[in-house]
Protein backbone atom coordinates (compact mmCIF):
# COMPACT_ATOMS: atom_id res chain seq x y z
CA MET A 1 53.62 -61.58 188.10
CA TYR A 2 51.55 -58.46 187.44
CA GLU A 3 54.58 -56.28 186.70
CA GLN A 4 54.32 -57.06 183.00
CA TYR A 5 50.92 -55.31 182.86
CA ILE A 6 52.06 -52.11 184.54
CA PRO A 7 53.17 -49.53 181.98
CA PRO A 8 56.58 -47.99 182.64
CA GLN A 9 56.58 -44.50 184.10
CA ILE A 10 58.08 -42.02 181.72
CA PRO A 11 59.43 -38.90 183.37
CA THR A 12 58.03 -35.71 181.93
CA ARG A 13 60.26 -32.92 180.75
CA GLN A 14 59.01 -30.63 183.54
CA SER A 15 59.90 -33.01 186.36
CA TYR A 16 63.27 -33.69 184.73
CA ILE A 17 64.05 -29.97 184.54
CA ALA A 18 63.08 -29.35 188.18
CA GLU A 19 65.21 -32.27 189.35
CA GLU A 20 68.18 -31.13 187.26
CA GLU A 21 67.82 -27.55 188.53
CA ILE A 22 67.90 -28.74 192.12
CA LYS A 23 70.92 -30.98 191.50
CA ASN A 24 72.66 -28.04 189.86
CA ILE A 25 71.90 -25.67 192.75
CA VAL A 26 72.92 -28.15 195.42
CA GLY A 27 76.01 -29.31 193.51
CA GLN A 28 77.39 -25.81 193.04
CA ILE A 29 77.08 -24.87 196.67
CA ASP A 30 77.68 -28.20 198.35
CA PRO A 31 79.39 -27.49 201.70
CA LYS A 32 81.43 -30.68 201.34
CA ASN A 33 83.09 -29.08 198.29
CA ILE A 34 83.70 -25.93 200.30
CA LEU A 35 85.40 -27.93 203.08
CA ASP A 36 87.41 -29.98 200.59
CA ASN A 37 88.64 -26.82 198.86
CA LEU A 38 89.57 -25.32 202.24
CA CYS A 39 91.62 -28.39 203.19
CA HIS A 40 93.46 -28.31 199.86
CA ALA A 41 94.17 -24.59 200.30
CA LEU A 42 95.58 -25.27 203.78
CA LYS A 43 97.90 -27.86 202.19
CA GLY A 44 99.16 -25.13 199.84
CA GLU A 45 97.46 -26.64 196.80
CA ILE A 46 95.47 -25.13 193.96
CA PHE A 47 93.20 -26.87 191.46
CA ASN A 48 94.56 -27.00 187.92
CA LYS A 49 91.46 -26.99 185.69
CA GLN A 50 93.44 -27.94 182.60
CA ILE A 51 94.53 -31.31 183.99
CA GLY A 52 91.75 -31.71 186.57
CA LYS A 53 94.08 -32.23 189.54
CA TRP A 54 95.22 -30.48 192.69
CA GLU A 55 98.82 -29.23 192.49
CA VAL A 56 101.20 -27.94 195.15
CA ALA A 57 101.50 -24.18 194.76
CA GLY A 58 103.49 -23.29 197.86
CA GLU A 59 104.11 -23.97 201.51
CA PRO A 60 101.28 -25.55 203.50
CA LEU A 61 99.51 -23.04 205.75
CA ALA A 62 98.60 -25.69 208.33
CA ASN A 63 100.27 -28.92 209.38
CA GLU A 64 98.58 -32.34 209.31
CA ALA A 65 97.34 -32.11 212.92
CA CYS A 66 95.73 -28.71 212.35
CA ARG A 67 94.11 -29.78 209.07
CA GLY A 68 92.83 -32.94 210.76
CA TRP A 69 91.19 -30.91 213.53
CA ILE A 70 89.61 -28.51 211.03
CA ASN A 71 88.29 -31.36 208.90
CA SER A 72 86.89 -33.40 211.79
CA ASN A 73 85.43 -30.38 213.57
CA PHE A 74 83.79 -28.79 210.54
CA SER A 75 82.65 -31.85 208.54
CA PRO A 76 79.43 -32.19 210.57
CA ILE A 77 78.83 -28.44 210.51
CA LEU A 78 79.50 -27.75 206.84
CA SER A 79 76.85 -30.00 205.35
CA ASN A 80 73.73 -29.66 203.22
CA SER A 81 71.59 -30.09 206.32
CA SER A 82 73.15 -26.89 207.70
CA THR A 83 72.19 -24.94 204.61
CA MET A 84 68.65 -26.33 204.57
CA GLY A 85 67.98 -25.22 208.13
CA ILE A 86 65.96 -22.18 209.07
CA LEU A 87 67.96 -19.87 211.33
CA SER A 88 67.01 -16.53 212.77
CA GLU A 89 69.59 -13.77 212.54
CA GLN A 90 70.25 -14.16 216.27
CA GLN A 91 70.87 -17.90 215.90
CA PHE A 92 73.18 -17.18 212.97
CA SER A 93 75.11 -14.67 215.09
CA ASN A 94 75.36 -17.18 217.93
CA PHE A 95 76.67 -19.89 215.58
CA MET A 96 79.33 -17.53 214.23
CA ILE A 97 80.36 -16.39 217.73
CA GLY A 98 80.62 -20.02 218.82
CA THR A 99 82.72 -20.88 215.75
CA ILE A 100 85.07 -17.95 216.34
CA LYS A 101 85.53 -18.80 220.03
CA SER A 102 86.05 -22.48 219.29
CA VAL A 103 88.70 -21.91 216.61
CA LEU A 104 90.62 -19.27 218.56
CA ARG A 105 90.62 -21.36 221.75
CA GLU A 106 91.78 -24.46 219.86
CA PHE A 107 94.59 -22.56 218.17
CA ARG A 108 95.75 -20.88 221.41
CA CYS A 109 95.76 -24.17 223.32
CA ASN A 110 97.63 -26.08 220.61
CA LEU A 111 100.24 -23.62 219.37
CA GLU A 112 103.02 -26.19 219.19
CA LYS A 113 100.89 -29.12 218.03
CA TYR A 114 99.54 -27.09 215.11
CA GLY A 115 102.94 -25.64 214.19
CA PHE A 116 102.33 -22.03 215.21
CA VAL A 117 105.47 -22.04 217.44
CA GLU A 118 108.78 -23.87 217.07
CA PRO A 119 108.67 -27.50 218.28
CA GLY A 120 109.92 -28.02 221.83
CA PRO A 121 112.00 -30.91 223.19
CA GLY A 122 108.97 -33.18 223.80
CA TYR A 123 107.28 -32.55 220.45
CA LYS A 124 108.04 -35.98 218.96
CA GLU A 125 106.66 -37.72 222.06
CA GLY A 126 103.44 -35.68 221.90
CA ARG A 127 104.32 -33.41 224.84
CA TYR A 128 103.60 -29.88 223.76
CA GLU A 129 104.82 -26.87 225.76
CA ASN A 130 103.34 -24.07 223.62
CA LYS A 131 106.38 -21.87 224.32
CA GLY A 132 107.59 -19.17 222.01
CA THR A 133 106.14 -16.39 219.93
CA PRO A 134 103.28 -17.72 217.80
CA ASP A 135 102.99 -17.01 214.10
CA THR A 136 99.85 -14.94 214.64
CA SER A 137 99.70 -13.85 211.02
CA ARG A 138 99.35 -17.45 209.84
CA MET A 139 96.94 -18.27 212.70
CA ASN A 140 94.76 -15.33 211.70
CA SER A 141 94.85 -16.29 208.01
CA ILE A 142 93.74 -19.84 208.74
CA ALA A 143 91.09 -18.71 211.23
CA GLU A 144 89.75 -16.15 208.74
CA MET A 145 89.47 -18.83 206.04
CA ILE A 146 87.46 -21.01 208.42
CA PHE A 147 85.22 -18.11 209.46
CA GLN A 148 84.52 -17.15 205.84
CA LYS A 149 83.55 -20.69 204.84
CA THR A 150 81.36 -21.12 207.92
CA PHE A 151 79.73 -17.74 207.27
CA ILE A 152 79.00 -18.67 203.65
CA VAL A 153 77.30 -21.93 204.64
CA TYR A 154 75.31 -20.64 207.63
CA SER A 155 74.22 -17.40 205.96
CA ARG A 156 72.30 -19.49 203.44
CA SER A 157 70.12 -20.74 206.32
CA VAL A 158 69.10 -17.32 207.63
CA GLY A 159 65.34 -17.12 207.33
CA GLY A 160 65.37 -20.44 205.47
CA SER A 161 66.47 -18.74 202.24
CA GLU A 162 68.20 -21.83 200.82
CA ASN A 163 65.35 -24.05 202.00
CA LYS A 164 62.78 -21.83 200.29
CA ARG A 165 64.81 -21.59 197.11
CA VAL A 166 65.15 -25.34 196.69
CA PHE A 167 61.60 -26.25 197.66
CA LYS A 168 60.12 -23.43 195.59
CA SER A 169 61.59 -25.08 192.49
CA LEU A 170 59.84 -28.34 193.40
CA THR A 171 56.39 -27.88 191.95
CA MET A 172 53.60 -30.35 191.50
CA ASN A 173 51.67 -30.40 188.30
CA ASP A 174 49.79 -32.88 186.19
CA SER A 175 52.68 -34.98 184.89
CA GLY A 176 50.47 -37.05 182.61
CA GLY A 177 49.03 -34.03 180.86
CA TYR A 178 45.44 -35.22 181.41
CA GLY A 179 44.16 -32.33 183.45
CA GLY A 180 44.79 -29.52 181.01
CA HIS A 181 46.52 -26.44 182.29
CA GLU A 182 46.85 -26.54 186.03
CA GLU A 183 48.33 -23.82 188.18
CA LYS A 184 51.68 -24.91 189.54
CA LYS A 185 51.79 -25.22 193.31
CA SER A 186 54.66 -26.34 195.44
CA TRP A 187 54.16 -29.62 197.24
CA VAL A 188 54.42 -27.80 200.56
CA ASN A 189 51.49 -25.54 199.63
CA ARG A 190 49.46 -28.56 198.54
CA ILE A 191 50.07 -30.34 201.83
CA LEU A 192 49.10 -27.21 203.75
CA GLY A 193 46.03 -26.71 201.54
CA ARG A 194 47.07 -23.31 200.17
């Protein structure tokens, strides 16, 4: 009823720029893109920019079961909430140690399931014997790819660097232009009275 009397809110150029900058920052470094690219690389695919599609470039590094474990295990970890956290260097080290132990243990316990040794007689029935000499070179390559991606995401949280960068670009100012020139302050500083 009264909506017709309320003037529409017109976004100012400054708020538009800040919002676009944040979208750009977050979009470029979105951990979901990092995980998606990792999964495609493990399938042996590369992205063809000319046609905008993933194409098979060679043999898959990891089989379906291994890729499934990587995706399900790292989807919750490699997220924007991980990058927006505030970690101390010790916490960062502990996360990386935990990731390394987890991946290596999983690979060692599932050599046959993940295709690092030749399939045994019970492979098709889901009985894995883990016998044989593992393809440690391929295991190490896959593990290293996981460690690098995890390191990239978590290192952005050390000392809250990503958090500070994003929130620093969010500034409050007089969007209507009625107050003259006002010093820009982040909304966090305004809440804290700084």
